[in-house]
Amino acid sequence: MQVDQGMHGLAGLARRALAAAWEPTLLVTEPCEDPHGPRAFLQDRDGRPVFTCPATSPMLACVGQAALLTFEVPEHIAGCMTIVLGGSLRDVREDHRCPRHPDVRVLALDVVQVVVEQRDPAHGEPTRREVPLDAYRAAGPDDLTRHATRVIEHTNGHHARELRESVAGLIGIPASDVATARLISLDRHGARVTWVDTDGSHTAELAFDEPASGPSALGRMLRAHLR
């Protein structure tokens, strides 16, 4: 089957979003996850969602069931989009055994369907496009995607004051004139920040002098631009 370039782009977006997934929702044929019970930790293994959970997790009752994994595409990757991965849950503990934690169980979602939903706030129902599995499996996320997402969340959640001061310094106004500031995207080539000051809302691109070679370089180059 021939896959158009648009599908290749959606496949790459789905893989990047999975690598950065923060709070996904797992829906199964029969409800089995106790919202107050032990939570599972999601990892991306080459496009295959893998969940690590305690041996007491209610998720173990979901093995063998059809499941849908749904997660929002992070704002810095693409706004107003949701990824839905359909498949079945399988116990893969034997493939991922950890001698130091013998009681940990590992489940994987064998993906058989990939759907990208795009929402337009002005036009009701979202549009849905199914991504061919070959394109999804062939695509791969930037290896800095997950780290960049964590940096954005950490910066906005724990360094709001410092970010406002940095933005004020960049544009040459008093920090007191900057009401809010947010880091909205970050990759190996640069970052985007948005802020509100006495003149309204603004967005600026911060381009790195050269692509970041890894997580430590990414953090160092971002800090250099926001000093």
C-alpha atoms as a PDB file:
ATOM      1  CA  MET A   1       0.000   0.000   0.000  1.00  0.00           C
ATOM      2  CA  GLN A   2       1.337   3.399  -0.988  1.00  0.00           C
ATOM      3  CA  VAL A   3       1.366   5.942   1.845  1.00  0.00           C
ATOM      4  CA  ASP A   4       1.166   9.643   1.067  1.00  0.00           C
ATOM      5  CA  GLN A   5       3.458  12.175   2.681  1.00  0.00           C
ATOM      6  CA  GLY A   6       0.606  13.467   4.824  1.00  0.00           C
ATOM      7  CA  MET A   7       0.270  10.049   6.422  1.00  0.00           C
ATOM      8  CA  HIS A   8       4.012   9.875   7.047  1.00  0.00           C
ATOM      9  CA  GLY A   9       3.722  13.203   8.850  1.00  0.00           C
ATOM     10  CA  LEU A  10       0.812  11.972  10.975  1.00  0.00           C
ATOM     11  CA  ALA A  11       2.692   8.749  11.740  1.00  0.00           C
ATOM     12  CA  GLY A  12       5.686  10.721  12.986  1.00  0.00           C
ATOM     13  CA  LEU A  13       3.418  12.960  15.032  1.00  0.00           C
ATOM     14  CA  ALA A  14       1.779   9.909  16.659  1.00  0.00           C
ATOM     15  CA  ARG A  15       5.181   8.448  17.550  1.00  0.00           C
ATOM     16  CA  ARG A  16       6.414  11.742  19.004  1.00  0.00           C
ATOM     17  CA  ALA A  17       3.221  12.115  21.028  1.00  0.00           C
ATOM     18  CA  LEU A  18       3.513   8.587  22.443  1.00  0.00           C
ATOM     19  CA  ALA A  19       7.108   9.268  23.510  1.00  0.00           C
ATOM     20  CA  ALA A  20       5.883  12.359  25.354  1.00  0.00           C
ATOM     21  CA  ALA A  21       2.579  10.939  26.654  1.00  0.00           C
ATOM     22  CA  TRP A  22       1.980  12.153  30.205  1.00  0.00           C
ATOM     23  CA  GLU A  23      -1.527  11.178  31.350  1.00  0.00           C
ATOM     24  CA  PRO A  24      -2.967   8.670  28.866  1.00  0.00           C
ATOM     25  CA  THR A  25      -6.350   6.987  29.246  1.00  0.00           C
ATOM     26  CA  LEU A  26      -6.630   3.214  28.790  1.00  0.00           C
ATOM     27  CA  LEU A  27     -10.063   1.879  27.906  1.00  0.00           C
ATOM     28  CA  VAL A  28     -10.696  -1.881  27.853  1.00  0.00           C
ATOM     29  CA  THR A  29     -13.598  -4.145  26.964  1.00  0.00           C
ATOM     30  CA  GLU A  30     -14.454  -4.653  30.622  1.00  0.00           C
ATOM     31  CA  PRO A  31     -13.510  -2.011  33.232  1.00  0.00           C
ATOM     32  CA  CYS A  32     -10.656  -3.311  35.339  1.00  0.00           C
ATOM     33  CA  GLU A  33      -8.587  -0.361  36.508  1.00  0.00           C
ATOM     34  CA  ASP A  34      -9.377   0.829  40.015  1.00  0.00           C
ATOM     35  CA  PRO A  35      -8.840   4.627  39.895  1.00  0.00           C
ATOM     36  CA  HIS A  36      -7.699   4.510  43.522  1.00  0.00           C
ATOM     37  CA  GLY A  37      -5.460   1.460  43.092  1.00  0.00           C
ATOM     38  CA  PRO A  38      -1.803   1.159  42.014  1.00  0.00           C
ATOM     39  CA  ARG A  39      -1.016   3.096  38.858  1.00  0.00           C
ATOM     40  CA  ALA A  40       0.892   1.769  35.860  1.00  0.00           C
ATOM     41  CA  PHE A  41       3.935   3.480  34.392  1.00  0.00           C
ATOM     42  CA  LEU A  42       3.832   3.921  30.606  1.00  0.00           C
ATOM     43  CA  GLN A  43       6.911   3.600  28.400  1.00  0.00           C
ATOM     44  CA  ASP A  44       7.334   3.842  24.647  1.00  0.00           C
ATOM     45  CA  ARG A  45       9.185   0.811  23.238  1.00  0.00           C
ATOM     46  CA  ASP A  46       9.640   1.530  19.535  1.00  0.00           C
ATOM     47  CA  GLY A  47       6.030   2.598  19.140  1.00  0.00           C
ATOM     48  CA  ARG A  48       4.650  -0.135  21.378  1.00  0.00           C
ATOM     49  CA  PRO A  49       3.109   1.115  24.643  1.00  0.00           C
ATOM     50  CA  VAL A  50       4.453  -0.889  27.586  1.00  0.00           C
ATOM     51  CA  PHE A  51       3.003  -0.620  31.088  1.00  0.00           C
ATOM     52  CA  THR A  52       4.908  -1.482  34.255  1.00  0.00           C
ATOM     53  CA  CYS A  53       2.712  -2.135  37.288  1.00  0.00           C
ATOM     54  CA  PRO A  54       2.750  -3.906  40.682  1.00  0.00           C
ATOM     55  CA  ALA A  55       1.661  -7.534  40.882  1.00  0.00           C
ATOM     56  CA  THR A  56      -1.406  -6.312  42.798  1.00  0.00           C
ATOM     57  CA  SER A  57      -2.559  -3.947  40.051  1.00  0.00           C
ATOM     58  CA  PRO A  58      -6.130  -4.411  38.779  1.00  0.00           C
ATOM     59  CA  MET A  59      -4.698  -3.930  35.288  1.00  0.00           C
ATOM     60  CA  LEU A  60      -3.615  -7.583  35.290  1.00  0.00           C
ATOM     61  CA  ALA A  61      -7.258  -8.578  34.890  1.00  0.00           C
ATOM     62  CA  CYS A  62      -7.213  -6.730  31.546  1.00  0.00           C
ATOM     63  CA  VAL A  63      -4.715  -9.091  29.884  1.00  0.00           C
ATOM     64  CA  GLY A  64      -6.139 -10.478  26.662  1.00  0.00           C
ATOM     65  CA  GLN A  65      -8.784  -7.790  26.336  1.00  0.00           C
ATOM     66  CA  ALA A  66      -9.212  -5.343  23.490  1.00  0.00           C
ATOM     67  CA  ALA A  67      -8.029  -1.896  24.550  1.00  0.00           C
ATOM     68  CA  LEU A  68      -7.808   1.702  23.379  1.00  0.00           C
ATOM     69  CA  LEU A  69      -4.987   3.949  24.581  1.00  0.00           C
ATOM     70  CA  THR A  70      -5.879   7.629  24.199  1.00  0.00           C
ATOM     71  CA  PHE A  71      -3.586  10.578  24.832  1.00  0.00           C
ATOM     72  CA  GLU A  72      -3.423  14.241  23.931  1.00  0.00           C
ATOM     73  CA  VAL A  73      -0.692  15.517  21.646  1.00  0.00           C
ATOM     74  CA  PRO A  74       1.400  17.918  23.765  1.00  0.00           C
ATOM     75  CA  GLU A  75       0.869  21.575  22.935  1.00  0.00           C
ATOM     76  CA  HIS A  76       4.475  22.047  21.863  1.00  0.00           C
ATOM     77  CA  ILE A  77       4.126  19.272  19.255  1.00  0.00           C
ATOM     78  CA  ALA A  78       0.672  20.082  17.846  1.00  0.00           C
ATOM     79  CA  GLY A  79      -2.385  21.594  19.464  1.00  0.00           C
ATOM     80  CA  CYS A  80      -5.953  20.261  19.542  1.00  0.00           C
ATOM     81  CA  MET A  81      -5.018  16.709  18.535  1.00  0.00           C
ATOM     82  CA  THR A  82      -5.550  13.306  20.138  1.00  0.00           C
ATOM     83  CA  ILE A  83      -3.947   9.950  19.344  1.00  0.00           C
ATOM     84  CA  VAL A  84      -5.885   6.698  19.739  1.00  0.00           C
ATOM     85  CA  LEU A  85      -3.986   3.391  19.636  1.00  0.00           C
ATOM     86  CA  GLY A  86      -6.136   0.279  19.405  1.00  0.00           C
ATOM     87  CA  GLY A  87      -5.053  -3.277  20.098  1.00  0.00           C
ATOM     88  CA  SER A  88      -4.978  -5.896  22.844  1.00  0.00           C
ATOM     89  CA  LEU A  89      -3.093  -6.140  26.122  1.00  0.00           C
ATOM     90  CA  ARG A  90      -0.537  -8.897  26.564  1.00  0.00           C
ATOM     91  CA  ASP A  91       1.606  -9.979  29.518  1.00  0.00           C
ATOM     92  CA  VAL A  92       5.228  -9.577  28.420  1.00  0.00           C
ATOM     93  CA  ARG A  93       6.928  -9.981  31.797  1.00  0.00           C
ATOM     94  CA  GLU A  94       9.141 -12.782  30.450  1.00  0.00           C
ATOM     95  CA  ASP A  95      10.473 -10.401  27.786  1.00  0.00           C
ATOM     96  CA  HIS A  96      11.220  -7.626  30.298  1.00  0.00           C
ATOM     97  CA  ARG A  97      12.208  -9.448  33.484  1.00  0.00           C
ATOM     98  CA  CYS A  98      13.927  -7.360  36.165  1.00  0.00           C
ATOM     99  CA  PRO A  99      15.824  -9.460  38.751  1.00  0.00           C
ATOM    100  CA  ARG A 100      15.788  -6.611  41.289  1.00  0.00           C
ATOM    101  CA  HIS A 101      11.989  -6.306  41.115  1.00  0.00           C
ATOM    102  CA  PRO A 102      10.565  -9.807  40.661  1.00  0.00           C
ATOM    103  CA  ASP A 103       7.040  -8.709  41.625  1.00  0.00           C
ATOM    104  CA  VAL A 104       6.782  -6.082  38.887  1.00  0.00           C
ATOM    105  CA  ARG A 105       4.511  -7.047  35.993  1.00  0.00           C
ATOM    106  CA  VAL A 106       4.844  -5.762  32.457  1.00  0.00           C
ATOM    107  CA  LEU A 107       1.962  -5.435  29.991  1.00  0.00           C
ATOM    108  CA  ALA A 108       2.167  -4.343  26.368  1.00  0.00           C
ATOM    109  CA  LEU A 109      -0.435  -3.038  23.969  1.00  0.00           C
ATOM    110  CA  ASP A 110      -0.075  -4.834  20.633  1.00  0.00           C
ATOM    111  CA  VAL A 111      -1.091  -1.989  18.353  1.00  0.00           C
ATOM    112  CA  VAL A 112      -3.284  -2.867  15.366  1.00  0.00           C
ATOM    113  CA  GLN A 113      -4.879   0.533  14.734  1.00  0.00           C
ATOM    114  CA  VAL A 114      -3.635   4.136  14.907  1.00  0.00           C
ATOM    115  CA  VAL A 115      -6.071   7.053  14.652  1.00  0.00           C
ATOM    116  CA  VAL A 116      -5.303  10.768  14.787  1.00  0.00           C
ATOM    117  CA  GLU A 117      -8.194  13.001  15.851  1.00  0.00           C
ATOM    118  CA  GLN A 118      -7.999  16.717  15.172  1.00  0.00           C
ATOM    119  CA  ARG A 119     -10.381  19.091  16.914  1.00  0.00           C
ATOM    120  CA  ASP A 120     -11.521  22.432  15.577  1.00  0.00           C
ATOM    121  CA  PRO A 121     -13.159  24.397  18.430  1.00  0.00           C
ATOM    122  CA  ALA A 122     -15.276  26.247  15.878  1.00  0.00           C
ATOM    123  CA  HIS A 123     -16.678  23.171  14.115  1.00  0.00           C
ATOM    124  CA  GLY A 124     -18.116  20.531  16.474  1.00  0.00           C
ATOM    125  CA  GLU A 125     -17.049  16.970  15.697  1.00  0.00           C
ATOM    126  CA  PRO A 126     -13.321  16.175  15.317  1.00  0.00           C
ATOM    127  CA  THR A 127     -11.901  14.822  12.074  1.00  0.00           C
ATOM    128  CA  ARG A 128     -10.439  11.296  12.285  1.00  0.00           C
ATOM    129  CA  ARG A 129      -7.668   9.896  10.105  1.00  0.00           C
ATOM    130  CA  GLU A 130      -6.395   6.349  10.367  1.00  0.00           C
ATOM    131  CA  VAL A 131      -2.629   5.982   9.998  1.00  0.00           C
ATOM    132  CA  PRO A 132      -1.330   2.847   8.215  1.00  0.00           C
ATOM    133  CA  LEU A 133       0.542   0.569  10.598  1.00  0.00           C
ATOM    134  CA  ASP A 134       3.532   0.356   8.253  1.00  0.00           C
ATOM    135  CA  ALA A 135       3.938   4.127   8.378  1.00  0.00           C
ATOM    136  CA  TYR A 136       3.519   4.182  12.173  1.00  0.00           C
ATOM    137  CA  ARG A 137       6.092   1.439  12.717  1.00  0.00           C
ATOM    138  CA  ALA A 138       8.564   3.006  10.314  1.00  0.00           C
ATOM    139  CA  ALA A 139       8.333   6.421  11.945  1.00  0.00           C
ATOM    140  CA  GLY A 140      10.353   7.284  15.020  1.00  0.00           C
ATOM    141  CA  PRO A 141      10.315  10.138  17.532  1.00  0.00           C
ATOM    142  CA  ASP A 142      13.148  12.555  18.012  1.00  0.00           C
ATOM    143  CA  ASP A 143      15.114  11.020  20.886  1.00  0.00           C
ATOM    144  CA  LEU A 144      14.815  14.317  22.785  1.00  0.00           C
ATOM    145  CA  THR A 145      10.999  14.450  22.622  1.00  0.00           C
ATOM    146  CA  ARG A 146      10.305  13.000  26.068  1.00  0.00           C
ATOM    147  CA  HIS A 147      13.086  15.011  27.723  1.00  0.00           C
ATOM    148  CA  ALA A 148      11.910  18.243  26.071  1.00  0.00           C
ATOM    149  CA  THR A 149       8.373  17.633  27.312  1.00  0.00           C
ATOM    150  CA  ARG A 150       9.617  17.182  30.880  1.00  0.00           C
ATOM    151  CA  VAL A 151      11.703  20.372  30.625  1.00  0.00           C
ATOM    152  CA  ILE A 152       8.655  22.347  29.456  1.00  0.00           C
ATOM    153  CA  GLU A 153       6.487  20.986  32.278  1.00  0.00           C
ATOM    154  CA  HIS A 154       9.196  21.603  34.884  1.00  0.00           C
ATOM    155  CA  THR A 155       9.958  25.128  33.670  1.00  0.00           C
ATOM    156  CA  ASN A 156       6.319  26.208  33.566  1.00  0.00           C
ATOM    157  CA  GLY A 157       5.407  24.463  36.808  1.00  0.00           C
ATOM    158  CA  HIS A 158       8.395  25.353  38.993  1.00  0.00           C
ATOM    159  CA  HIS A 159      10.206  28.315  37.442  1.00  0.00           C
ATOM    160  CA  ALA A 160       7.415  30.694  36.434  1.00  0.00           C
ATOM    161  CA  ARG A 161       8.996  33.688  38.177  1.00  0.00           C
ATOM    162  CA  GLU A 162      12.420  33.071  36.623  1.00  0.00           C
ATOM    163  CA  LEU A 163      10.813  32.681  33.184  1.00  0.00           C
ATOM    164  CA  ARG A 164       8.969  36.007  33.540  1.00  0.00           C
ATOM    165  CA  GLU A 165      12.223  37.686  34.549  1.00  0.00           C
ATOM    166  CA  SER A 166      14.068  36.109  31.608  1.00  0.00           C
ATOM    167  CA  VAL A 167      11.436  37.250  29.133  1.00  0.00           C
ATOM    168  CA  ALA A 168      11.505  40.753  30.598  1.00  0.00           C
ATOM    169  CA  GLY A 169      15.272  40.833  30.172  1.00  0.00           C
ATOM    170  CA  LEU A 170      15.041  39.622  26.577  1.00  0.00           C
ATOM    171  CA  ILE A 171      12.648  42.371  25.537  1.00  0.00           C
ATOM    172  CA  GLY A 172      14.035  45.069  27.810  1.00  0.00           C
ATOM    173  CA  ILE A 173      11.100  45.825  30.098  1.00  0.00           C
ATOM    174  CA  PRO A 174      10.681  45.621  33.891  1.00  0.00           C
ATOM    175  CA  ALA A 175       9.820  42.144  35.162  1.00  0.00           C
ATOM    176  CA  SER A 176       6.823  43.655  36.931  1.00  0.00           C
ATOM    177  CA  ASP A 177       5.312  44.430  33.492  1.00  0.00           C
ATOM    178  CA  VAL A 178       5.217  40.722  32.549  1.00  0.00           C
ATOM    179  CA  ALA A 179       2.049  39.183  33.961  1.00  0.00           C
ATOM    180  CA  THR A 180       2.624  35.616  32.775  1.00  0.00           C
ATOM    181  CA  ALA A 181       5.121  33.706  30.649  1.00  0.00           C
ATOM    182  CA  ARG A 182       5.142  30.121  29.364  1.00  0.00           C
ATOM    183  CA  LEU A 183       7.556  27.936  27.477  1.00  0.00           C
ATOM    184  CA  ILE A 184       5.322  26.410  24.771  1.00  0.00           C
ATOM    185  CA  SER A 185       7.726  24.408  22.609  1.00  0.00           C
ATOM    186  CA  LEU A 186      11.240  23.023  22.758  1.00  0.00           C
ATOM    187  CA  ASP A 187      13.279  20.840  20.439  1.00  0.00           C
ATOM    188  CA  ARG A 188      16.901  20.428  19.424  1.00  0.00           C
ATOM    189  CA  HIS A 189      16.708  23.557  17.226  1.00  0.00           C
ATOM    190  CA  GLY A 190      15.212  26.051  19.655  1.00  0.00           C
ATOM    191  CA  ALA A 191      12.242  27.078  21.755  1.00  0.00           C
ATOM    192  CA  ARG A 192       9.126  29.252  21.706  1.00  0.00           C
ATOM    193  CA  VAL A 193       7.919  31.366  24.590  1.00  0.00           C
ATOM    194  CA  THR A 194       4.679  33.268  25.014  1.00  0.00           C
ATOM    195  CA  TRP A 195       3.946  36.011  27.499  1.00  0.00           C
ATOM    196  CA  VAL A 196       1.475  38.709  28.450  1.00  0.00           C
ATOM    197  CA  ASP A 197       2.690  42.187  29.325  1.00  0.00           C
ATOM    198  CA  THR A 198       1.180  45.665  29.462  1.00  0.00           C
ATOM    199  CA  ASP A 199       0.965  45.760  25.643  1.00  0.00           C
ATOM    200  CA  GLY A 200      -0.870  42.431  25.286  1.00  0.00           C
ATOM    201  CA  SER A 201       0.044  38.856  24.330  1.00  0.00           C
ATOM    202  CA  HIS A 202       3.241  37.979  22.448  1.00  0.00           C
ATOM    203  CA  THR A 203       5.189  34.957  21.187  1.00  0.00           C
ATOM    204  CA  ALA A 204       8.890  34.750  20.355  1.00  0.00           C
ATOM    205  CA  GLU A 205      11.168  32.147  18.762  1.00  0.00           C
ATOM    206  CA  LEU A 206      14.500  31.359  20.405  1.00  0.00           C
ATOM    207  CA  ALA A 207      16.770  29.715  17.826  1.00  0.00           C
ATOM    208  CA  PHE A 208      19.838  27.816  19.033  1.00  0.00           C
ATOM    209  CA  ASP A 209      23.150  28.504  17.293  1.00  0.00           C
ATOM    210  CA  GLU A 210      23.425  24.777  16.522  1.00  0.00           C
ATOM    211  CA  PRO A 211      21.194  21.734  17.127  1.00  0.00           C
ATOM    212  CA  ALA A 212      21.342  20.329  20.661  1.00  0.00           C
ATOM    213  CA  SER A 213      23.225  17.031  20.630  1.00  0.00           C
ATOM    214  CA  GLY A 214      21.522  15.518  23.680  1.00  0.00           C
ATOM    215  CA  PRO A 215      19.475  16.158  26.850  1.00  0.00           C
ATOM    216  CA  SER A 216      22.248  17.945  28.744  1.00  0.00           C
ATOM    217  CA  ALA A 217      23.034  20.163  25.748  1.00  0.00           C
ATOM    218  CA  LEU A 218      19.334  20.952  25.322  1.00  0.00           C
ATOM    219  CA  GLY A 219      19.028  22.190  28.899  1.00  0.00           C
ATOM    220  CA  ARG A 220      22.282  24.127  28.721  1.00  0.00           C
ATOM    221  CA  MET A 221      21.341  25.897  25.481  1.00  0.00           C
ATOM    222  CA  LEU A 222      17.871  26.770  26.753  1.00  0.00           C
ATOM    223  CA  ARG A 223      19.320  28.264  29.940  1.00  0.00           C
ATOM    224  CA  ALA A 224      21.819  30.280  27.887  1.00  0.00           C
ATOM    225  CA  HIS A 225      18.968  31.881  25.934  1.00  0.00           C
ATOM    226  CA  LEU A 226      16.898  32.599  29.020  1.00  0.00           C
ATOM    227  CA  ARG A 227      19.567  34.117  31.251  1.00  0.00           C
END
